[in-house]
Protein backbone atom coordinates (compact mmCIF):
# COMPACT_ATOMS: atom_id res chain seq x y z
CA MET A 1 -76.35 -51.40 -80.24
CA LYS A 2 -79.90 -51.80 -78.94
CA TYR A 3 -82.37 -48.96 -79.49
CA GLU A 4 -85.28 -50.52 -77.58
CA SER A 5 -85.50 -50.94 -73.84
CA LEU A 6 -85.45 -54.36 -72.23
CA VAL A 7 -88.59 -55.78 -70.66
CA PRO A 8 -87.59 -55.88 -67.00
CA GLN A 9 -89.30 -57.89 -64.31
CA LEU A 10 -92.06 -55.88 -62.66
CA GLY A 11 -91.66 -55.88 -58.90
CA ALA A 12 -87.86 -55.80 -59.07
CA PRO A 13 -86.29 -53.48 -56.47
CA ALA A 14 -84.85 -50.14 -57.51
CA PRO A 15 -81.05 -50.17 -57.56
CA ASP A 16 -79.48 -47.67 -55.21
CA PHE A 17 -77.45 -44.85 -56.68
CA ARG A 18 -75.19 -42.03 -55.55
CA LEU A 19 -74.85 -39.45 -58.30
CA PRO A 20 -74.06 -35.73 -58.58
CA ASP A 21 -76.03 -33.07 -60.37
CA PRO A 22 -73.95 -30.62 -62.44
CA SER A 23 -73.38 -28.41 -59.37
CA GLY A 24 -71.89 -31.35 -57.46
CA ARG A 25 -74.83 -31.99 -55.13
CA ILE A 26 -75.12 -35.71 -54.45
CA TYR A 27 -78.44 -37.54 -54.68
CA THR A 28 -79.22 -41.09 -53.58
CA LEU A 29 -82.32 -43.25 -53.74
CA ARG A 30 -83.06 -42.38 -50.11
CA ASP A 31 -83.42 -38.69 -50.98
CA PHE A 32 -86.77 -39.54 -52.58
CA ALA A 33 -88.07 -41.73 -49.74
CA GLN A 34 -90.94 -39.37 -48.86
CA TYR A 35 -92.57 -39.78 -52.27
CA ARG A 36 -95.18 -42.42 -53.07
CA GLY A 37 -93.50 -43.15 -56.37
CA LEU A 38 -90.30 -42.43 -58.26
CA LEU A 39 -89.72 -42.16 -62.00
CA VAL A 40 -86.10 -42.67 -63.09
CA VAL A 41 -85.43 -41.49 -66.66
CA PHE A 42 -82.22 -42.26 -68.51
CA MET A 43 -81.94 -39.35 -70.90
CA CYS A 44 -79.42 -37.00 -72.46
CA ASN A 45 -79.20 -33.66 -74.22
CA HIS A 46 -78.54 -34.65 -77.82
CA CYS A 47 -80.94 -37.53 -78.50
CA PRO A 48 -83.76 -36.60 -80.92
CA SER A 49 -86.14 -38.96 -79.13
CA VAL A 50 -85.51 -37.19 -75.82
CA GLN A 51 -85.78 -33.77 -77.45
CA HIS A 52 -89.09 -34.83 -78.99
CA ILE A 53 -90.76 -35.57 -75.65
CA LEU A 54 -88.79 -33.20 -73.42
CA ASP A 55 -91.41 -30.49 -72.97
CA GLY A 56 -94.00 -33.18 -72.24
CA LEU A 57 -91.71 -34.87 -69.75
CA VAL A 58 -90.97 -31.59 -67.97
CA ALA A 59 -94.70 -30.85 -67.75
CA PHE A 60 -95.45 -34.38 -66.52
CA ALA A 61 -92.81 -34.19 -63.79
CA ALA A 62 -94.09 -30.83 -62.57
CA GLU A 63 -97.72 -32.01 -62.57
CA TYR A 64 -97.10 -35.25 -60.69
CA LEU A 65 -94.56 -34.05 -58.12
CA PRO A 66 -97.23 -32.52 -55.82
CA LYS A 67 -99.31 -35.67 -56.27
CA GLY A 68 -96.49 -37.74 -54.77
CA LEU A 69 -94.48 -38.95 -57.78
CA ALA A 70 -90.91 -37.65 -57.98
CA THR A 71 -88.80 -37.73 -61.14
CA VAL A 72 -85.05 -37.93 -61.57
CA GLY A 73 -83.17 -37.71 -64.87
CA ILE A 74 -79.84 -39.45 -65.39
CA SER A 75 -77.35 -38.88 -68.19
CA SER A 76 -74.98 -41.83 -68.60
CA ASN A 77 -73.58 -41.21 -72.08
CA ASP A 78 -69.85 -41.23 -72.78
CA VAL A 79 -68.97 -37.54 -73.01
CA SER A 80 -65.72 -38.22 -74.84
CA SER A 81 -67.83 -39.15 -77.87
CA HIS A 82 -70.83 -36.92 -77.02
CA PRO A 83 -69.57 -33.85 -75.11
CA GLU A 84 -72.97 -32.17 -75.43
CA ASP A 85 -74.25 -34.67 -72.84
CA GLY A 86 -71.82 -33.57 -70.11
CA PRO A 87 -72.57 -31.68 -66.88
CA GLU A 88 -72.10 -28.12 -68.12
CA LEU A 89 -74.64 -28.46 -70.90
CA MET A 90 -76.88 -30.62 -68.72
CA ALA A 91 -77.14 -27.68 -66.31
CA LYS A 92 -77.85 -25.30 -69.19
CA LEU A 93 -80.64 -27.51 -70.56
CA ALA A 94 -82.23 -27.99 -67.14
CA LEU A 95 -82.29 -24.23 -66.57
CA GLU A 96 -83.56 -23.35 -70.03
CA ARG A 97 -86.36 -25.93 -69.98
CA GLY A 98 -87.37 -25.42 -66.36
CA PHE A 99 -86.67 -28.87 -64.93
CA SER A 100 -88.44 -29.41 -61.60
CA PHE A 101 -86.38 -32.57 -61.07
CA PRO A 102 -82.67 -33.27 -60.56
CA TYR A 103 -80.64 -34.15 -63.65
CA LEU A 104 -77.76 -36.37 -62.55
CA TYR A 105 -74.50 -37.39 -64.19
CA ASP A 106 -73.52 -41.07 -64.26
CA GLU A 107 -69.89 -40.68 -65.33
CA SER A 108 -68.90 -44.27 -64.53
CA GLN A 109 -72.01 -45.69 -66.26
CA GLU A 110 -72.38 -48.10 -63.34
CA VAL A 111 -75.86 -46.82 -62.52
CA ALA A 112 -77.03 -47.37 -66.10
CA ILE A 113 -75.70 -50.92 -65.85
CA ALA A 114 -77.44 -51.48 -62.50
CA PHE A 115 -80.77 -50.39 -64.00
CA ARG A 116 -80.09 -52.27 -67.25
CA ALA A 117 -80.75 -49.10 -69.20
CA VAL A 118 -80.46 -49.48 -72.95
CA CYS A 119 -81.62 -46.36 -74.73
CA THR A 120 -82.55 -42.72 -74.28
CA PRO A 121 -85.18 -42.24 -73.10
CA ASP A 122 -85.50 -45.32 -70.89
CA PHE A 123 -88.12 -45.10 -68.11
CA PHE A 124 -88.33 -46.94 -64.78
CA MET A 125 -91.25 -46.10 -62.48
CA TYR A 126 -91.18 -47.45 -58.92
CA ASP A 127 -93.92 -47.69 -56.31
CA GLY A 128 -93.74 -46.63 -52.68
CA ASP A 129 -91.80 -49.78 -51.78
CA ARG A 130 -89.45 -48.97 -54.67
CA ARG A 131 -90.55 -51.97 -56.66
CA LEU A 132 -90.72 -51.63 -60.43
CA PHE A 133 -94.25 -50.69 -61.49
CA TYR A 134 -93.83 -49.46 -65.07
CA ALA A 135 -91.06 -49.63 -67.67
CA GLY A 136 -92.41 -48.55 -71.01
CA ARG A 137 -92.97 -45.70 -73.43
CA PHE A 138 -93.92 -42.15 -72.59
CA ASP A 139 -96.64 -42.29 -75.25
CA GLY A 140 -97.18 -43.41 -78.83
CA SER A 141 -95.57 -40.40 -80.49
CA ARG A 142 -92.40 -40.97 -82.53
CA PRO A 143 -90.11 -38.30 -84.02
CA ALA A 144 -88.91 -38.31 -87.59
CA ASN A 145 -85.21 -39.18 -87.94
CA PRO A 146 -82.85 -40.46 -90.65
CA PHE A 147 -84.07 -44.01 -90.00
CA SER A 148 -87.81 -43.41 -89.62
CA PRO A 149 -90.43 -40.94 -90.87
CA GLY A 150 -92.00 -40.73 -87.40
CA ASN A 151 -95.75 -40.87 -87.01
CA ASN A 152 -96.91 -37.26 -86.57
CA LEU A 153 -98.75 -38.08 -83.34
CA PRO A 154 -98.73 -35.38 -80.65
CA VAL A 155 -96.72 -35.83 -77.48
CA THR A 156 -99.28 -36.51 -74.76
CA GLY A 157 -97.49 -38.65 -72.17
CA GLU A 158 -100.62 -40.80 -72.04
CA TYR A 159 -98.87 -44.09 -71.22
CA MET A 160 -96.82 -42.54 -68.45
CA GLN A 161 -99.82 -40.68 -67.05
CA ALA A 162 -101.89 -43.87 -66.99
CA ALA A 163 -99.11 -45.68 -65.13
CA ALA A 164 -98.67 -42.82 -62.65
CA ASP A 165 -102.40 -42.55 -62.01
CA ALA A 166 -102.64 -46.31 -61.40
CA LEU A 167 -99.69 -46.24 -59.01
CA LEU A 168 -100.99 -43.29 -57.02
CA ALA A 169 -104.46 -44.86 -56.83
CA GLY A 170 -103.03 -48.10 -55.47
CA GLY A 171 -104.01 -50.05 -58.57
CA PRO A 172 -102.14 -52.76 -60.47
CA PRO A 173 -99.41 -52.02 -63.02
CA PRO A 174 -100.60 -51.39 -66.57
CA SER A 175 -100.80 -54.55 -68.66
CA GLY A 176 -99.07 -54.85 -72.01
CA GLN A 177 -96.28 -52.39 -71.27
CA ILE A 178 -94.55 -51.45 -74.54
CA ALA A 179 -90.77 -51.03 -74.60
CA SER A 180 -89.38 -47.53 -74.97
CA THR A 181 -87.34 -46.74 -78.07
CA GLY A 182 -84.75 -44.10 -78.84
CA CYS A 183 -81.03 -43.59 -79.28
CA SER A 184 -78.72 -46.27 -77.96
CA LEU A 185 -76.90 -45.43 -74.76
CA LYS A 186 -73.39 -44.27 -75.68
CA TRP A 187 -71.13 -46.64 -73.79
CA LYS A 188 -67.45 -46.08 -73.12
CA PRO A 189 -65.21 -48.43 -75.11
CA GLY A 190 -65.19 -51.82 -73.41
CA LYS A 191 -68.01 -50.85 -71.02
CA GLU A 192 -70.90 -52.16 -73.09
CA PRO A 193 -72.88 -54.78 -71.18
CA ALA A 194 -73.71 -57.91 -73.16
CA TRP A 195 -77.46 -57.21 -73.09
CA SER A 196 -77.00 -53.78 -74.75
CA LYS A 197 -75.63 -55.21 -78.02
């Protein structure tokens, strides 16, 4: 399975979605229409790469919301193999870590497929016309794991902040966007799209 995000076409339109949060409230793309930008993050509870940046992501979302950039988190993992990524524990994590953004559950995995999400975390930032503006890493920090020693850099969110600042200032997308890396998305058996392998 792939552990690095694809390099999508900048300017591509945001796919629509209709997903519940753990309480059952439904959110769609139109619910964020009043914001000048929207960051969609495919994430989950268990992934070490998500856990590594989570406090930074929560702080980023809270800082940029009043500036006009909304954030939405989406968990698409197969909960039969990873039950810790299901709605009950999603709600617990969001409460404990003070999410200022909705954390939605993509049970069918159709939304992950529509976005061509590959890994957790996988970031898609859209401009006011909901055209893709940034799809890259949160920053240069990498956690240690069984496959890598990490790099001991602090979590700063610098790449995401630079993209958000450029978007909100009406500037061009950042050049040289670097693919995000993390855990592979946990697909249901037979659901894996060809580009995720």
